[in-house]
Amino acid sequence: MASIDAPNEQGQGRTEFPNYFGDSVRHKTNNKTMKFPNRYRVLYAEDNADSLDLVTMICDLSNIEVVTSETVAEAWRLAQSEQFDLYLLDSRFSDGDGLELCRRLRSFAPHTPILIYSGDAYEADKKNGLAAGANDYLTKPFMGNLTETIRQYIERTQKNNASKFELQQLNKELNSSVSI
């Protein structure tokens, strides 16, 4: 349990609350500043305002910046003009298909993780999402830890990209040292 200096239900003392966020959020205690892991950027394309607000709030508490879009067109424009660490997409929009957006994003940014976060829960929906290029298909309401899942995909991708870069550098060095 964590606590804050705020009146409790009886109007006095400290208010206790569960710490749902584990080590990803550290509360200010003993004049120490809050410490967060790396801040990641996520584009969340979703046409439901309540889902947008809830996911944005949860991610913000876990130090994940969320840029939101309510349309396929706006999401595509944002993806082309800004850098994101992960795309979180609904599958249905009033102006288009989230799976088609997924295909376009996969071609545009092949190394950026894409998660489909949809209420469409049939096995065929999941297969279609993965076939469109998504790394994973999460069904609403996702009962796991959404922010931890987002972090794992981003960190795994960054680690893989760093390893690929190191391998490219070693190949360059090897090729430059072996001249025929």
N, C-alpha and C. Protein backbone atom coordinates (compact mmCIF):
# COMPACT_ATOMS: atom_id res chain seq x y z
N MET A 1 0.84 -1.19 0.00
CA MET A 1 0.00 0.00 0.00
C MET A 1 0.88 1.24 0.00
N ALA A 2 0.40 2.27 -0.64
CA ALA A 2 1.07 3.55 -0.64
C ALA A 2 0.13 4.55 0.03
N SER A 3 0.64 5.71 0.37
CA SER A 3 -0.22 6.69 1.01
C SER A 3 0.19 8.08 0.57
N ILE A 4 -0.75 9.01 0.71
CA ILE A 4 -0.48 10.40 0.41
C ILE A 4 -0.98 11.25 1.57
N ASP A 5 -0.40 12.44 1.70
CA ASP A 5 -0.87 13.37 2.73
C ASP A 5 -2.13 14.06 2.22
N ALA A 6 -3.24 13.46 2.51
CA ALA A 6 -4.54 14.01 2.13
C ALA A 6 -5.55 13.46 3.12
N PRO A 7 -6.58 14.22 3.40
CA PRO A 7 -7.58 13.73 4.35
C PRO A 7 -8.18 12.41 3.89
N ASN A 8 -8.32 11.47 4.84
CA ASN A 8 -8.95 10.20 4.51
C ASN A 8 -10.47 10.37 4.60
N GLU A 9 -11.20 9.26 4.56
CA GLU A 9 -12.66 9.34 4.59
C GLU A 9 -13.19 10.01 5.84
N GLN A 10 -12.44 9.97 6.94
CA GLN A 10 -12.87 10.63 8.17
C GLN A 10 -12.44 12.09 8.22
N GLY A 11 -11.77 12.57 7.14
CA GLY A 11 -11.38 13.97 7.08
C GLY A 11 -10.06 14.27 7.77
N GLN A 12 -9.25 13.28 8.05
CA GLN A 12 -7.98 13.54 8.73
C GLN A 12 -6.94 12.50 8.32
N GLY A 13 -5.69 12.74 8.67
CA GLY A 13 -4.62 11.76 8.48
C GLY A 13 -4.19 11.56 7.03
N ARG A 14 -3.77 10.32 6.76
CA ARG A 14 -3.25 9.97 5.44
C ARG A 14 -4.23 9.05 4.72
N THR A 15 -4.25 9.15 3.40
CA THR A 15 -5.09 8.29 2.60
C THR A 15 -4.25 7.15 2.05
N GLU A 16 -4.69 5.92 2.30
CA GLU A 16 -4.01 4.72 1.81
C GLU A 16 -4.65 4.30 0.49
N PHE A 17 -3.82 3.85 -0.45
CA PHE A 17 -4.33 3.31 -1.70
C PHE A 17 -3.38 2.24 -2.21
N PRO A 18 -3.90 1.27 -2.96
CA PRO A 18 -3.02 0.22 -3.49
C PRO A 18 -2.12 0.78 -4.57
N ASN A 19 -0.90 0.28 -4.66
CA ASN A 19 0.04 0.68 -5.70
C ASN A 19 -0.08 -0.32 -6.84
N TYR A 20 -0.93 0.01 -7.82
CA TYR A 20 -1.18 -0.89 -8.94
C TYR A 20 -0.04 -0.92 -9.95
N PHE A 21 0.88 -0.01 -9.84
CA PHE A 21 1.86 0.18 -10.90
C PHE A 21 3.23 -0.39 -10.58
N GLY A 22 3.37 -1.08 -9.47
CA GLY A 22 4.64 -1.74 -9.15
C GLY A 22 5.80 -0.78 -9.14
N ASP A 23 6.93 -1.22 -9.71
CA ASP A 23 8.14 -0.40 -9.71
C ASP A 23 8.14 0.67 -10.78
N SER A 24 7.13 0.69 -11.66
CA SER A 24 7.15 1.67 -12.73
C SER A 24 6.85 3.08 -12.23
N VAL A 25 6.29 3.21 -11.02
CA VAL A 25 6.04 4.52 -10.43
C VAL A 25 6.55 4.49 -9.00
N ARG A 26 7.37 5.46 -8.67
CA ARG A 26 7.83 5.58 -7.28
C ARG A 26 7.29 6.89 -6.73
N HIS A 27 6.67 6.81 -5.59
CA HIS A 27 6.05 7.98 -5.01
C HIS A 27 7.08 8.84 -4.29
N LYS A 28 6.79 10.13 -4.22
CA LYS A 28 7.70 11.06 -3.57
C LYS A 28 7.66 10.83 -2.06
N THR A 29 8.80 10.42 -1.51
CA THR A 29 8.91 10.22 -0.07
C THR A 29 10.26 10.75 0.39
N ASN A 30 10.32 11.18 1.59
CA ASN A 30 11.58 11.67 2.18
C ASN A 30 12.30 12.67 1.30
N ASN A 31 11.55 13.58 0.68
CA ASN A 31 12.09 14.62 -0.19
C ASN A 31 12.89 14.08 -1.37
N LYS A 32 12.66 12.82 -1.76
CA LYS A 32 13.29 12.26 -2.96
C LYS A 32 12.36 12.50 -4.14
N THR A 33 12.94 12.81 -5.29
CA THR A 33 12.10 13.05 -6.45
C THR A 33 11.64 11.73 -7.06
N MET A 34 10.56 11.81 -7.82
CA MET A 34 10.03 10.60 -8.46
C MET A 34 11.01 10.12 -9.52
N LYS A 35 11.19 8.82 -9.61
CA LYS A 35 12.09 8.23 -10.59
C LYS A 35 11.29 7.34 -11.53
N PHE A 36 11.44 7.58 -12.82
CA PHE A 36 10.75 6.80 -13.83
C PHE A 36 11.76 6.16 -14.76
N PRO A 37 11.39 5.02 -15.35
CA PRO A 37 12.23 4.46 -16.40
C PRO A 37 12.10 5.33 -17.66
N ASN A 38 12.71 4.93 -18.74
CA ASN A 38 12.65 5.70 -19.98
C ASN A 38 11.21 6.03 -20.35
N ARG A 39 11.02 7.23 -20.89
CA ARG A 39 9.68 7.64 -21.35
C ARG A 39 9.56 7.25 -22.81
N TYR A 40 8.53 6.48 -23.13
CA TYR A 40 8.29 6.02 -24.48
C TYR A 40 7.12 6.78 -25.08
N ARG A 41 7.07 6.82 -26.43
CA ARG A 41 5.97 7.48 -27.14
C ARG A 41 5.15 6.43 -27.88
N VAL A 42 3.85 6.48 -27.67
CA VAL A 42 2.93 5.54 -28.29
C VAL A 42 1.87 6.33 -29.04
N LEU A 43 1.59 5.89 -30.27
CA LEU A 43 0.44 6.42 -31.00
C LEU A 43 -0.72 5.47 -30.76
N TYR A 44 -1.78 5.98 -30.15
CA TYR A 44 -2.97 5.17 -29.86
C TYR A 44 -4.10 5.64 -30.76
N ALA A 45 -4.47 4.81 -31.72
CA ALA A 45 -5.56 5.11 -32.64
C ALA A 45 -6.81 4.36 -32.19
N GLU A 46 -7.82 5.12 -31.80
CA GLU A 46 -9.04 4.55 -31.20
C GLU A 46 -10.16 5.55 -31.40
N ASP A 47 -11.34 5.08 -31.82
CA ASP A 47 -12.44 6.01 -32.05
C ASP A 47 -13.38 6.17 -30.86
N ASN A 48 -13.11 5.48 -29.76
CA ASN A 48 -13.93 5.61 -28.56
C ASN A 48 -13.23 6.53 -27.56
N ALA A 49 -13.86 7.66 -27.25
CA ALA A 49 -13.25 8.67 -26.38
C ALA A 49 -12.94 8.13 -24.99
N ASP A 50 -13.82 7.29 -24.44
CA ASP A 50 -13.58 6.75 -23.10
C ASP A 50 -12.34 5.85 -23.09
N SER A 51 -12.19 5.03 -24.10
CA SER A 51 -10.99 4.17 -24.19
C SER A 51 -9.74 5.02 -24.35
N LEU A 52 -9.83 6.06 -25.18
CA LEU A 52 -8.69 6.96 -25.35
C LEU A 52 -8.26 7.57 -24.02
N ASP A 53 -9.23 8.06 -23.28
CA ASP A 53 -8.94 8.71 -21.99
C ASP A 53 -8.35 7.72 -20.99
N LEU A 54 -8.95 6.54 -20.88
CA LEU A 54 -8.51 5.55 -19.90
C LEU A 54 -7.08 5.08 -20.20
N VAL A 55 -6.81 4.70 -21.44
CA VAL A 55 -5.48 4.21 -21.79
C VAL A 55 -4.45 5.33 -21.64
N THR A 56 -4.80 6.53 -22.04
CA THR A 56 -3.88 7.66 -21.89
C THR A 56 -3.54 7.90 -20.43
N MET A 57 -4.54 7.85 -19.55
CA MET A 57 -4.31 8.07 -18.13
C MET A 57 -3.42 6.97 -17.53
N ILE A 58 -3.73 5.72 -17.85
CA ILE A 58 -2.95 4.60 -17.32
C ILE A 58 -1.50 4.68 -17.81
N CYS A 59 -1.33 4.97 -19.08
CA CYS A 59 0.03 5.06 -19.62
C CYS A 59 0.78 6.25 -19.03
N ASP A 60 0.10 7.37 -18.86
CA ASP A 60 0.76 8.54 -18.28
C ASP A 60 1.26 8.26 -16.87
N LEU A 61 0.49 7.51 -16.10
CA LEU A 61 0.92 7.14 -14.75
C LEU A 61 2.15 6.24 -14.76
N SER A 62 2.36 5.55 -15.88
CA SER A 62 3.52 4.68 -16.03
C SER A 62 4.60 5.33 -16.90
N ASN A 63 4.51 6.64 -17.06
CA ASN A 63 5.51 7.42 -17.78
C ASN A 63 5.62 7.03 -19.25
N ILE A 64 4.50 6.73 -19.86
CA ILE A 64 4.44 6.47 -21.29
C ILE A 64 3.61 7.58 -21.91
N GLU A 65 4.22 8.33 -22.82
CA GLU A 65 3.51 9.41 -23.50
C GLU A 65 2.61 8.82 -24.58
N VAL A 66 1.36 9.22 -24.60
CA VAL A 66 0.41 8.72 -25.58
C VAL A 66 -0.07 9.88 -26.44
N VAL A 67 0.08 9.73 -27.75
CA VAL A 67 -0.48 10.65 -28.72
C VAL A 67 -1.70 9.94 -29.29
N THR A 68 -2.85 10.59 -29.28
CA THR A 68 -4.08 9.92 -29.66
C THR A 68 -4.60 10.38 -31.02
N SER A 69 -5.33 9.49 -31.64
CA SER A 69 -5.99 9.76 -32.91
C SER A 69 -7.32 9.05 -32.91
N GLU A 70 -8.36 9.72 -33.38
CA GLU A 70 -9.68 9.11 -33.43
C GLU A 70 -10.05 8.62 -34.82
N THR A 71 -9.16 8.83 -35.81
CA THR A 71 -9.44 8.39 -37.17
C THR A 71 -8.21 7.72 -37.79
N VAL A 72 -8.47 6.90 -38.79
CA VAL A 72 -7.38 6.26 -39.53
C VAL A 72 -6.54 7.32 -40.24
N ALA A 73 -7.20 8.29 -40.84
CA ALA A 73 -6.49 9.34 -41.59
C ALA A 73 -5.55 10.13 -40.68
N GLU A 74 -6.03 10.51 -39.51
CA GLU A 74 -5.20 11.26 -38.58
C GLU A 74 -4.04 10.40 -38.05
N ALA A 75 -4.31 9.14 -37.78
CA ALA A 75 -3.25 8.25 -37.30
C ALA A 75 -2.15 8.10 -38.35
N TRP A 76 -2.53 7.95 -39.61
CA TRP A 76 -1.55 7.81 -40.69
C TRP A 76 -0.73 9.10 -40.82
N ARG A 77 -1.40 10.25 -40.73
CA ARG A 77 -0.68 11.53 -40.81
C ARG A 77 0.31 11.67 -39.66
N LEU A 78 -0.11 11.33 -38.45
CA LEU A 78 0.78 11.42 -37.29
C LEU A 78 1.97 10.47 -37.42
N ALA A 79 1.71 9.25 -37.88
CA ALA A 79 2.79 8.27 -38.03
C ALA A 79 3.84 8.75 -39.03
N GLN A 80 3.40 9.44 -40.06
CA GLN A 80 4.34 9.94 -41.07
C GLN A 80 5.11 11.17 -40.61
N SER A 81 4.55 11.92 -39.67
CA SER A 81 5.18 13.18 -39.28
C SER A 81 5.89 13.15 -37.93
N GLU A 82 5.67 12.11 -37.13
CA GLU A 82 6.28 12.02 -35.81
C GLU A 82 6.88 10.65 -35.57
N GLN A 83 7.78 10.57 -34.61
CA GLN A 83 8.45 9.31 -34.26
C GLN A 83 7.73 8.66 -33.08
N PHE A 84 7.42 7.36 -33.20
CA PHE A 84 6.76 6.63 -32.13
C PHE A 84 7.53 5.35 -31.84
N ASP A 85 7.46 4.91 -30.59
CA ASP A 85 8.10 3.66 -30.18
C ASP A 85 7.18 2.47 -30.37
N LEU A 86 5.87 2.72 -30.46
CA LEU A 86 4.90 1.64 -30.61
C LEU A 86 3.59 2.23 -31.12
N TYR A 87 2.87 1.43 -31.91
CA TYR A 87 1.53 1.79 -32.37
C TYR A 87 0.53 0.88 -31.68
N LEU A 88 -0.50 1.46 -31.08
CA LEU A 88 -1.59 0.74 -30.43
C LEU A 88 -2.85 1.09 -31.21
N LEU A 89 -3.46 0.08 -31.86
CA LEU A 89 -4.54 0.36 -32.80
C LEU A 89 -5.81 -0.41 -32.47
N ASP A 90 -6.94 0.27 -32.62
CA ASP A 90 -8.22 -0.42 -32.62
C ASP A 90 -8.38 -1.02 -34.02
N SER A 91 -9.32 -1.93 -34.18
CA SER A 91 -9.48 -2.56 -35.49
C SER A 91 -10.58 -1.93 -36.34
N ARG A 92 -11.45 -1.14 -35.72
CA ARG A 92 -12.58 -0.55 -36.46
C ARG A 92 -12.63 0.96 -36.23
N PHE A 93 -12.86 1.68 -37.33
CA PHE A 93 -12.99 3.13 -37.29
C PHE A 93 -14.12 3.55 -38.22
N SER A 94 -14.68 4.72 -37.97
CA SER A 94 -15.75 5.22 -38.83
C SER A 94 -15.22 5.60 -40.22
N ASP A 95 -13.93 5.92 -40.31
CA ASP A 95 -13.37 6.36 -41.60
C ASP A 95 -12.47 5.32 -42.26
N GLY A 96 -12.42 4.10 -41.72
CA GLY A 96 -11.57 3.11 -42.36
C GLY A 96 -11.36 1.89 -41.49
N ASP A 97 -10.41 1.08 -41.93
CA ASP A 97 -10.14 -0.21 -41.31
C ASP A 97 -8.82 -0.15 -40.55
N GLY A 98 -8.86 -0.51 -39.27
CA GLY A 98 -7.65 -0.51 -38.46
C GLY A 98 -6.63 -1.53 -38.93
N LEU A 99 -7.08 -2.63 -39.51
CA LEU A 99 -6.15 -3.64 -40.02
C LEU A 99 -5.42 -3.14 -41.26
N GLU A 100 -6.12 -2.37 -42.09
CA GLU A 100 -5.44 -1.76 -43.25
C GLU A 100 -4.43 -0.73 -42.77
N LEU A 101 -4.77 0.02 -41.75
CA LEU A 101 -3.81 0.96 -41.15
C LEU A 101 -2.59 0.18 -40.64
N CYS A 102 -2.83 -0.95 -40.02
CA CYS A 102 -1.74 -1.79 -39.52
C CYS A 102 -0.82 -2.21 -40.66
N ARG A 103 -1.38 -2.63 -41.79
CA ARG A 103 -0.57 -3.02 -42.95
C ARG A 103 0.28 -1.86 -43.44
N ARG A 104 -0.33 -0.69 -43.52
CA ARG A 104 0.40 0.49 -44.00
C ARG A 104 1.53 0.86 -43.03
N LEU A 105 1.23 0.81 -41.73
CA LEU A 105 2.26 1.12 -40.73
C LEU A 105 3.39 0.10 -40.77
N ARG A 106 3.06 -1.16 -40.96
CA ARG A 106 4.09 -2.20 -41.00
C ARG A 106 5.05 -1.95 -42.17
N SER A 107 4.50 -1.53 -43.32
CA SER A 107 5.35 -1.21 -44.47
C SER A 107 6.16 0.06 -44.23
N PHE A 108 5.53 1.03 -43.60
CA PHE A 108 6.17 2.32 -43.36
C PHE A 108 7.24 2.25 -42.29
N ALA A 109 6.96 1.54 -41.21
CA ALA A 109 7.88 1.44 -40.06
C ALA A 109 8.02 -0.04 -39.67
N PRO A 110 8.79 -0.81 -40.44
CA PRO A 110 8.81 -2.26 -40.25
C PRO A 110 9.34 -2.74 -38.90
N HIS A 111 10.10 -1.91 -38.20
CA HIS A 111 10.68 -2.35 -36.93
C HIS A 111 9.94 -1.81 -35.70
N THR A 112 8.91 -1.01 -35.92
CA THR A 112 8.14 -0.46 -34.79
C THR A 112 7.04 -1.45 -34.41
N PRO A 113 6.97 -1.82 -33.13
CA PRO A 113 5.93 -2.77 -32.71
C PRO A 113 4.52 -2.20 -32.90
N ILE A 114 3.62 -3.09 -33.29
CA ILE A 114 2.21 -2.73 -33.47
C ILE A 114 1.38 -3.71 -32.65
N LEU A 115 0.53 -3.16 -31.79
CA LEU A 115 -0.41 -3.97 -31.01
C LEU A 115 -1.83 -3.59 -31.42
N ILE A 116 -2.63 -4.58 -31.76
CA ILE A 116 -4.06 -4.35 -31.98
C ILE A 116 -4.73 -4.47 -30.62
N TYR A 117 -5.55 -3.47 -30.27
CA TYR A 117 -6.27 -3.46 -29.00
C TYR A 117 -7.74 -3.27 -29.33
N SER A 118 -8.47 -4.38 -29.42
CA SER A 118 -9.81 -4.34 -30.00
C SER A 118 -10.82 -5.12 -29.18
N GLY A 119 -12.07 -4.76 -29.35
CA GLY A 119 -13.16 -5.50 -28.75
C GLY A 119 -13.56 -6.71 -29.58
N ASP A 120 -13.05 -6.82 -30.81
CA ASP A 120 -13.33 -7.98 -31.66
C ASP A 120 -12.54 -9.16 -31.10
N ALA A 121 -13.25 -10.14 -30.56
CA ALA A 121 -12.59 -11.17 -29.74
C ALA A 121 -12.57 -12.56 -30.35
N TYR A 122 -13.05 -12.72 -31.57
CA TYR A 122 -13.02 -14.05 -32.18
C TYR A 122 -11.61 -14.43 -32.59
N GLU A 123 -11.35 -15.74 -32.64
CA GLU A 123 -10.03 -16.22 -33.05
C GLU A 123 -9.68 -15.74 -34.46
N ALA A 124 -10.68 -15.67 -35.33
CA ALA A 124 -10.45 -15.17 -36.70
C ALA A 124 -9.99 -13.71 -36.69
N ASP A 125 -10.53 -12.91 -35.76
CA ASP A 125 -10.11 -11.51 -35.64
C ASP A 125 -8.64 -11.43 -35.28
N LYS A 126 -8.23 -12.26 -34.33
CA LYS A 126 -6.83 -12.29 -33.91
C LYS A 126 -5.93 -12.70 -35.07
N LYS A 127 -6.32 -13.75 -35.79
CA LYS A 127 -5.53 -14.20 -36.93
C LYS A 127 -5.41 -13.11 -37.99
N ASN A 128 -6.51 -12.42 -38.26
CA ASN A 128 -6.49 -11.34 -39.24
C ASN A 128 -5.58 -10.19 -38.80
N GLY A 129 -5.60 -9.87 -37.51
CA GLY A 129 -4.73 -8.81 -36.98
C GLY A 129 -3.26 -9.16 -37.10
N LEU A 130 -2.93 -10.39 -36.76
CA LEU A 130 -1.53 -10.84 -36.87
C LEU A 130 -1.11 -10.92 -38.33
N ALA A 131 -2.02 -11.35 -39.21
CA ALA A 131 -1.71 -11.42 -40.64
C ALA A 131 -1.51 -10.02 -41.23
N ALA A 132 -2.14 -9.02 -40.64
CA ALA A 132 -1.98 -7.64 -41.11
C ALA A 132 -0.64 -7.04 -40.69
N GLY A 133 0.09 -7.73 -39.80
CA GLY A 133 1.41 -7.25 -39.41
C GLY A 133 1.53 -6.87 -37.95
N ALA A 134 0.48 -7.07 -37.17
CA ALA A 134 0.57 -6.74 -35.75
C ALA A 134 1.48 -7.73 -35.03
N ASN A 135 2.19 -7.24 -34.03
CA ASN A 135 3.02 -8.11 -33.20
C ASN A 135 2.18 -8.91 -32.22
N ASP A 136 1.05 -8.33 -31.81
CA ASP A 136 0.17 -9.02 -30.86
C ASP A 136 -1.23 -8.45 -31.02
N TYR A 137 -2.21 -9.22 -30.54
CA TYR A 137 -3.62 -8.84 -30.61
C TYR A 137 -4.18 -8.95 -29.20
N LEU A 138 -4.52 -7.82 -28.61
CA LEU A 138 -5.05 -7.77 -27.24
C LEU A 138 -6.54 -7.48 -27.31
N THR A 139 -7.32 -8.25 -26.58
CA THR A 139 -8.76 -8.09 -26.60
C THR A 139 -9.21 -7.22 -25.42
N LYS A 140 -10.06 -6.23 -25.72
CA LYS A 140 -10.61 -5.36 -24.67
C LYS A 140 -11.67 -6.13 -23.90
N PRO A 141 -11.82 -5.93 -22.65
CA PRO A 141 -10.82 -5.24 -21.83
C PRO A 141 -9.65 -6.18 -21.54
N PHE A 142 -8.45 -5.71 -21.82
CA PHE A 142 -7.25 -6.50 -21.59
C PHE A 142 -7.02 -6.58 -20.09
N MET A 143 -7.04 -7.78 -19.54
CA MET A 143 -6.96 -7.93 -18.09
C MET A 143 -5.52 -8.02 -17.59
N GLY A 144 -4.56 -8.11 -18.50
CA GLY A 144 -3.17 -8.11 -18.09
C GLY A 144 -2.70 -6.69 -17.81
N ASN A 145 -1.43 -6.52 -17.69
CA ASN A 145 -0.87 -5.20 -17.44
C ASN A 145 -0.53 -4.56 -18.78
N LEU A 146 -1.39 -3.69 -19.27
CA LEU A 146 -1.22 -3.08 -20.59
C LEU A 146 0.09 -2.31 -20.69
N THR A 147 0.41 -1.52 -19.68
CA THR A 147 1.64 -0.72 -19.76
C THR A 147 2.88 -1.60 -19.74
N GLU A 148 2.85 -2.69 -18.99
CA GLU A 148 4.00 -3.60 -18.97
C GLU A 148 4.15 -4.29 -20.32
N THR A 149 3.04 -4.65 -20.94
CA THR A 149 3.08 -5.26 -22.27
C THR A 149 3.67 -4.28 -23.28
N ILE A 150 3.25 -3.02 -23.21
CA ILE A 150 3.79 -1.99 -24.11
C ILE A 150 5.29 -1.85 -23.91
N ARG A 151 5.72 -1.74 -22.66
CA ARG A 151 7.16 -1.61 -22.36
C ARG A 151 7.96 -2.81 -22.87
N GLN A 152 7.44 -4.01 -22.67
CA GLN A 152 8.16 -5.21 -23.10
C GLN A 152 8.37 -5.21 -24.61
N TYR A 153 7.34 -4.86 -25.36
CA TYR A 153 7.49 -4.83 -26.81
C TYR A 153 8.50 -3.76 -27.25
N ILE A 154 8.42 -2.59 -26.65
CA ILE A 154 9.35 -1.51 -27.02
C ILE A 154 10.78 -1.90 -26.66
N GLU A 155 10.98 -2.37 -25.46
CA GLU A 155 12.35 -2.70 -25.01
C GLU A 155 12.93 -3.86 -25.81
N ARG A 156 12.13 -4.85 -26.13
CA ARG A 156 12.60 -5.97 -26.95
C ARG A 156 13.02 -5.47 -28.33
N THR A 157 12.23 -4.59 -28.91
CA THR A 157 12.54 -4.05 -30.23
C THR A 157 13.82 -3.21 -30.18
N GLN A 158 13.96 -2.38 -29.16
CA GLN A 158 15.16 -1.56 -29.04
C GLN A 158 16.40 -2.43 -28.87
N LYS A 159 16.28 -3.48 -28.09
CA LYS A 159 17.42 -4.39 -27.89
C LYS A 159 17.78 -5.08 -29.20
N ASN A 160 16.78 -5.55 -29.94
CA ASN A 160 17.04 -6.19 -31.23
C ASN A 160 17.67 -5.23 -32.22
N ASN A 161 17.18 -3.99 -32.25
CA ASN A 161 17.74 -3.00 -33.17
C ASN A 161 19.18 -2.67 -32.80
N ALA A 162 19.49 -2.59 -31.51
CA ALA A 162 20.87 -2.33 -31.07
C ALA A 162 21.78 -3.48 -31.48
N SER A 163 21.31 -4.70 -31.34
CA SER A 163 22.10 -5.87 -31.74
C SER A 163 22.35 -5.87 -33.24
N LYS A 164 21.34 -5.52 -34.04
CA LYS A 164 21.51 -5.45 -35.49
C LYS A 164 22.53 -4.38 -35.86
N PHE A 165 22.47 -3.24 -35.19
CA PHE A 165 23.42 -2.16 -35.46
C PHE A 165 24.85 -2.61 -35.14
N GLU A 166 25.02 -3.25 -33.99
CA GLU A 166 26.35 -3.75 -33.61
C GLU A 166 26.87 -4.76 -34.63
N LEU A 167 26.01 -5.63 -35.12
CA LEU A 167 26.40 -6.62 -36.12
C LEU A 167 26.80 -5.93 -37.43
N GLN A 168 26.07 -4.91 -37.82
CA GLN A 168 26.42 -4.16 -39.03
C GLN A 168 27.78 -3.49 -38.87
N GLN A 169 28.03 -2.92 -37.69
CA GLN A 169 29.32 -2.27 -37.45
C GLN A 169 30.46 -3.29 -37.52
N LEU A 170 30.26 -4.46 -36.93
CA LEU A 170 31.29 -5.50 -36.98
C LEU A 170 31.54 -5.96 -38.41
N ASN A 171 30.48 -6.10 -39.20
CA ASN A 171 30.64 -6.48 -40.60
C ASN A 171 31.41 -5.42 -41.38
N LYS A 172 31.13 -4.14 -41.12
CA LYS A 172 31.86 -3.06 -41.78
C LYS A 172 33.34 -3.11 -41.43
N GLU A 173 33.64 -3.31 -40.14
CA GLU A 173 35.02 -3.38 -39.70
C GLU A 173 35.73 -4.58 -40.34
N LEU A 174 35.05 -5.71 -40.38
CA LEU A 174 35.61 -6.91 -40.97
C LEU A 174 35.86 -6.72 -42.46
N ASN A 175 34.92 -6.14 -43.16
CA ASN A 175 35.07 -5.90 -44.59
C ASN A 175 36.17 -4.89 -44.90
N SER A 176 36.32 -3.89 -44.05
CA SER A 176 37.37 -2.89 -44.29
C SER A 176 38.75 -3.43 -43.97
N SER A 177 38.85 -4.38 -43.06
CA SER A 177 40.16 -4.94 -42.71
C SER A 177 40.60 -6.05 -43.66
N VAL A 178 39.65 -6.65 -44.36
CA VAL A 178 39.95 -7.71 -45.31
C VAL A 178 39.79 -7.14 -46.72
N SER A 179 40.84 -6.66 -47.29
CA SER A 179 40.82 -6.10 -48.64
C SER A 179 41.40 -7.08 -49.61
N ILE A 180 40.73 -7.25 -50.73
CA ILE A 180 41.24 -8.18 -51.73
C ILE A 180 41.78 -7.41 -52.90
